[in-house]
């Protein structure tokens, strides 16, 4: 294994692959990007190979890289890195903790990269690479990264769906979604500085059952079920913490 990373091969054509290719090239790396469905033998001699495909395809792609000498990483938040051991003795992860979309510009300096290396040399090299790509880096074990991924679903994917519901409610009444922006911003700011449970507000924490029933009556079936479940969880949590 090289002491330095000169050549990078990215396997995949999705969102992460698109952003990684751009960022590595911006930072002066020799980088190629190819579809993992094609012949990947050209990547065998690369110093760093990045598998940026769907989780269920990672192991299949790793099997195509048996005998490679460099470092092999995947970009998954949840998959263990052990599945890469079939290809090389030097492997790890380079996980971007950010919602990335192909063809949409992102300030990569604000993207958090989480690294893991299966040995000390790989660990140091991946941390060095991550710091060349962004100012925000963390070293996490496989278990830590899995927990982070679950946490990210709760703080990003689920709220995004709830934002969509909120927008749909306002759209029906001809109200601009922008009216909620200050509230959204304040909620996020408070979450940065306080335990979110400690600054919970709303009818559920006040156990205003009549108001909650009236809210649900104005919602469709799916939205009403989500409203009821979340309200019940808020009530349950805060009744136990008193």
Protein backbone atom coordinates (compact mmCIF):
# COMPACT_ATOMS: atom_id res chain seq x y z
CA UNK A 1 0.00 0.00 0.00
CA UNK A 2 1.27 3.43 -0.95
CA UNK A 3 2.14 5.90 1.81
CA UNK A 4 0.34 8.55 -0.23
CA UNK A 5 -2.86 8.68 -2.27
CA UNK A 6 -2.20 9.75 -5.84
CA UNK A 7 -4.82 7.95 -7.89
CA UNK A 8 -8.50 7.64 -6.98
CA UNK A 9 -11.14 5.47 -8.65
CA UNK A 10 -14.81 6.06 -7.83
CA UNK A 11 -17.27 3.29 -8.64
CA UNK A 12 -20.85 4.47 -9.02
CA UNK A 13 -22.95 7.01 -10.86
CA UNK A 14 -25.22 8.29 -8.10
CA UNK A 15 -25.33 11.37 -5.90
CA UNK A 16 -22.29 10.66 -3.70
CA UNK A 17 -20.14 9.52 -6.63
CA UNK A 18 -20.94 12.70 -8.54
CA UNK A 19 -19.97 14.98 -5.65
CA UNK A 20 -16.87 12.97 -4.71
CA UNK A 21 -15.52 13.06 -8.24
CA UNK A 22 -15.89 16.83 -8.40
CA UNK A 23 -14.34 17.38 -4.98
CA UNK A 24 -11.36 15.07 -5.48
CA UNK A 25 -10.56 16.76 -8.80
CA UNK A 26 -10.93 20.23 -7.22
CA UNK A 27 -8.36 19.20 -4.62
CA UNK A 28 -5.86 18.04 -7.25
CA UNK A 29 -6.27 14.25 -7.11
CA UNK A 30 -6.03 12.11 -10.23
CA UNK A 31 -9.57 10.76 -10.22
CA UNK A 32 -11.71 8.63 -12.54
CA UNK A 33 -15.36 7.75 -12.14
CA UNK A 34 -16.88 4.66 -13.75
CA UNK A 35 -20.10 2.72 -13.44
CA UNK A 36 -19.81 -0.22 -11.07
CA UNK A 37 -21.83 -2.23 -13.59
CA UNK A 38 -18.94 -2.08 -16.06
CA UNK A 39 -15.52 -3.75 -16.04
CA UNK A 40 -13.81 -2.36 -12.93
CA UNK A 41 -10.43 -4.01 -13.49
CA UNK A 42 -8.94 -0.61 -14.37
CA UNK A 43 -9.32 0.32 -10.68
CA UNK A 44 -7.27 -2.57 -9.31
CA UNK A 45 -4.05 -0.53 -9.31
CA UNK A 46 -5.55 2.69 -7.89
CA UNK A 47 -4.29 3.94 -4.53
CA UNK A 48 -7.85 4.50 -3.35
CA UNK A 49 -11.02 2.88 -4.65
CA UNK A 50 -14.34 4.27 -3.47
CA UNK A 51 -17.46 2.13 -3.82
CA UNK A 52 -20.32 4.63 -3.99
CA UNK A 53 -23.32 2.42 -4.78
CA UNK A 54 -26.49 1.27 -3.02
CA UNK A 55 -25.83 -0.69 0.17
CA UNK A 56 -27.10 -3.99 -1.22
CA UNK A 57 -24.62 -3.81 -4.12
CA UNK A 58 -21.44 -3.04 -2.13
CA UNK A 59 -20.36 -6.62 -1.50
CA UNK A 60 -20.97 -7.61 -5.12
CA UNK A 61 -18.74 -4.77 -6.33
CA UNK A 62 -16.05 -5.60 -3.75
CA UNK A 63 -15.89 -9.14 -5.12
CA UNK A 64 -14.89 -7.70 -8.50
CA UNK A 65 -11.84 -6.05 -6.91
CA UNK A 66 -10.10 -9.06 -5.39
CA UNK A 67 -6.35 -8.66 -5.25
CA UNK A 68 -6.20 -4.87 -5.30
CA UNK A 69 -3.23 -3.35 -3.45
CA UNK A 70 -4.60 0.03 -2.44
CA UNK A 71 -7.29 1.08 0.01
CA UNK A 72 -10.91 0.13 -0.62
CA UNK A 73 -13.69 2.11 1.04
CA UNK A 74 -17.43 2.39 0.79
CA UNK A 75 -19.58 5.45 1.44
CA UNK A 76 -22.43 3.74 3.28
CA UNK A 77 -23.63 5.03 6.61
CA UNK A 78 -24.90 1.67 7.76
CA UNK A 79 -22.99 -1.18 6.10
CA UNK A 80 -20.10 -2.77 7.98
CA UNK A 81 -16.69 -2.43 6.34
CA UNK A 82 -15.98 -6.14 6.86
CA UNK A 83 -17.66 -6.85 3.53
CA UNK A 84 -14.65 -5.21 1.83
CA UNK A 85 -12.12 -7.67 3.27
CA UNK A 86 -12.78 -10.03 0.37
CA UNK A 87 -10.91 -7.64 -1.94
CA UNK A 88 -7.98 -6.29 0.08
CA UNK A 89 -6.36 -6.22 3.50
CA UNK A 90 -6.64 -2.41 3.59
CA UNK A 91 -10.18 -1.09 3.79
CA UNK A 92 -12.49 1.32 5.53
CA UNK A 93 -15.21 3.89 5.00
CA UNK A 94 -15.53 7.47 3.79
CA UNK A 95 -19.09 8.39 4.72
CA UNK A 96 -20.49 11.85 3.92
CA UNK A 97 -22.97 12.97 6.57
CA UNK A 98 -24.96 15.15 4.24
CA UNK A 99 -27.96 14.93 1.93
CA UNK A 100 -26.29 15.18 -1.49
CA UNK A 101 -28.01 15.50 -4.85
CA UNK A 102 -26.38 14.99 -8.23
CA UNK A 103 -26.06 18.14 -10.38
CA UNK A 104 -26.79 20.35 -7.36
CA UNK A 105 -23.89 22.43 -6.10
CA UNK A 106 -22.89 21.88 -2.47
CA UNK A 107 -20.39 23.77 -0.34
CA UNK A 108 -18.19 20.75 0.38
CA UNK A 109 -16.31 22.61 3.09
CA UNK A 110 -19.50 22.23 5.15
CA UNK A 111 -19.91 18.52 4.45
CA UNK A 112 -18.96 16.28 7.38
CA UNK A 113 -16.87 13.24 6.38
CA UNK A 114 -16.73 10.26 8.70
CA UNK A 115 -13.79 7.89 8.28
CA UNK A 116 -12.82 4.46 9.48
CA UNK A 117 -9.73 2.38 8.70
CA UNK A 118 -9.23 -1.27 9.59
CA UNK A 119 -5.59 -0.65 10.56
CA UNK A 120 -3.51 2.28 11.75
CA UNK A 121 -1.99 3.13 8.38
CA UNK A 122 -5.36 3.14 6.63
CA UNK A 123 -6.87 5.14 9.47
CA UNK A 124 -4.26 7.89 9.17
CA UNK A 125 -4.40 8.02 5.38
CA UNK A 126 -8.20 8.29 5.29
CA UNK A 127 -8.19 11.02 7.91
CA UNK A 128 -5.56 12.89 5.91
CA UNK A 129 -7.65 12.60 2.73
CA UNK A 130 -10.84 13.66 4.50
CA UNK A 131 -9.13 16.78 5.84
CA UNK A 132 -8.09 17.71 2.30
CA UNK A 133 -11.70 17.47 1.18
CA UNK A 134 -13.43 19.28 4.05
CA UNK A 135 -12.84 21.01 7.37
CA UNK A 136 -15.30 18.76 9.20
CA UNK A 137 -14.11 15.21 9.86
CA UNK A 138 -14.76 12.50 12.42
CA UNK A 139 -13.26 9.07 13.00
CA UNK A 140 -15.99 6.57 13.83
CA UNK A 141 -16.09 2.82 14.25
CA UNK A 142 -18.56 0.75 12.24
CA UNK A 143 -20.93 0.62 15.22
CA UNK A 144 -20.66 4.37 15.84
CA UNK A 145 -21.29 5.12 12.16
CA UNK A 146 -24.40 2.91 12.16
CA UNK A 147 -25.78 4.77 15.16
CA UNK A 148 -25.00 8.08 13.47
CA UNK A 149 -26.83 6.94 10.34
CA UNK A 150 -29.95 6.11 12.35
CA UNK A 151 -29.72 9.48 14.12
CA UNK A 152 -29.40 11.20 10.73
CA UNK A 153 -32.63 9.54 9.55
CA UNK A 154 -34.42 10.97 12.58
CA UNK A 155 -33.04 14.50 12.22
CA UNK A 156 -33.04 14.77 8.41
CA UNK A 157 -35.17 12.25 6.51
CA UNK A 158 -38.15 12.17 8.87
CA UNK A 159 -38.33 15.96 9.39
CA UNK A 160 -38.07 16.45 5.63
CA UNK A 161 -41.21 14.31 5.20
CA UNK A 162 -42.92 16.32 7.92
CA UNK A 163 -41.92 19.55 6.16
CA UNK A 164 -43.61 18.16 3.05
CA UNK A 165 -46.80 17.50 5.02
CA UNK A 166 -46.68 21.01 6.50
CA UNK A 167 -46.26 22.52 3.03
CA UNK A 168 -49.18 20.50 1.66
CA UNK A 169 -51.43 21.73 4.51
CA UNK A 170 -50.52 25.34 3.74
CA UNK A 171 -50.83 24.86 -0.03
CA UNK A 172 -54.49 23.85 0.40
CA UNK A 173 -55.19 27.24 1.98
CA UNK A 174 -53.01 29.22 -0.40
CA UNK A 175 -50.48 30.07 2.31
CA UNK A 176 -46.79 30.33 1.37
CA UNK A 177 -44.49 27.75 2.96
CA UNK A 178 -42.13 30.65 3.66
CA UNK A 179 -44.28 31.71 6.60
CA UNK A 180 -42.80 28.72 8.50
CA UNK A 181 -39.15 29.51 7.74
CA UNK A 182 -38.48 31.60 10.88
CA UNK A 183 -40.06 28.88 13.03
CA UNK A 184 -37.99 26.18 11.31
CA UNK A 185 -34.82 28.23 11.73
CA UNK A 186 -35.52 28.86 15.42
CA UNK A 187 -36.25 25.17 16.03
CA UNK A 188 -32.92 24.17 14.50
CA UNK A 189 -31.02 26.87 16.40
CA UNK A 190 -32.50 25.74 19.72
CA UNK A 191 -31.59 22.14 18.93
CA UNK A 192 -27.97 23.23 18.52
CA UNK A 193 -27.77 24.78 21.97
CA UNK A 194 -30.18 22.81 24.15
CA UNK A 195 -31.33 19.26 24.66
CA UNK A 196 -34.28 19.17 22.21
CA UNK A 197 -36.43 17.32 24.76
CA UNK A 198 -35.97 20.23 27.19
CA UNK A 199 -37.31 22.87 24.78
CA UNK A 200 -40.30 20.91 23.48
CA UNK A 201 -43.43 23.04 22.97
CA UNK A 202 -46.87 22.48 21.47
CA UNK A 203 -50.26 21.00 22.39
CA UNK A 204 -48.88 17.49 23.06
CA UNK A 205 -46.51 18.50 25.86
CA UNK A 206 -49.37 20.55 27.36
CA UNK A 207 -51.64 17.52 26.88
CA UNK A 208 -54.31 19.66 25.23
CA UNK A 209 -56.48 16.76 24.09
CA UNK A 210 -59.33 18.84 22.71
CA UNK A 211 -56.99 20.85 20.49
CA UNK A 212 -55.23 17.70 19.30
CA UNK A 213 -58.55 16.08 18.40
CA UNK A 214 -59.53 19.16 16.41
CA UNK A 215 -56.17 19.11 14.63
CA UNK A 216 -56.60 15.47 13.65
CA UNK A 217 -60.12 16.12 12.37
CA UNK A 218 -58.68 18.53 9.83
CA UNK A 219 -56.11 16.05 8.53
CA UNK A 220 -56.22 13.17 6.09
CA UNK A 221 -55.91 9.59 7.36
CA UNK A 222 -52.12 9.25 6.89
CA UNK A 223 -51.33 12.66 8.33
CA UNK A 224 -53.69 12.06 11.27
CA UNK A 225 -51.95 8.78 12.10
CA UNK A 226 -48.53 10.47 12.07
CA UNK A 227 -49.87 13.33 14.21
CA UNK A 228 -51.36 10.91 16.75
CA UNK A 229 -48.25 8.73 16.99
CA UNK A 230 -45.86 11.63 17.50
CA UNK A 231 -48.18 13.33 19.98
CA UNK A 232 -48.48 10.12 21.99
CA UNK A 233 -44.69 9.76 22.10
CA UNK A 234 -44.23 13.35 23.25
CA UNK A 235 -46.84 12.91 25.99
CA UNK A 236 -45.33 9.58 27.08
CA UNK A 237 -41.75 10.88 27.21
CA UNK A 238 -42.55 13.97 29.21
CA UNK A 239 -44.94 12.21 31.60
CA UNK A 240 -42.09 9.82 32.50
CA UNK A 241 -39.53 12.60 32.91
CA UNK A 242 -41.57 14.62 35.41
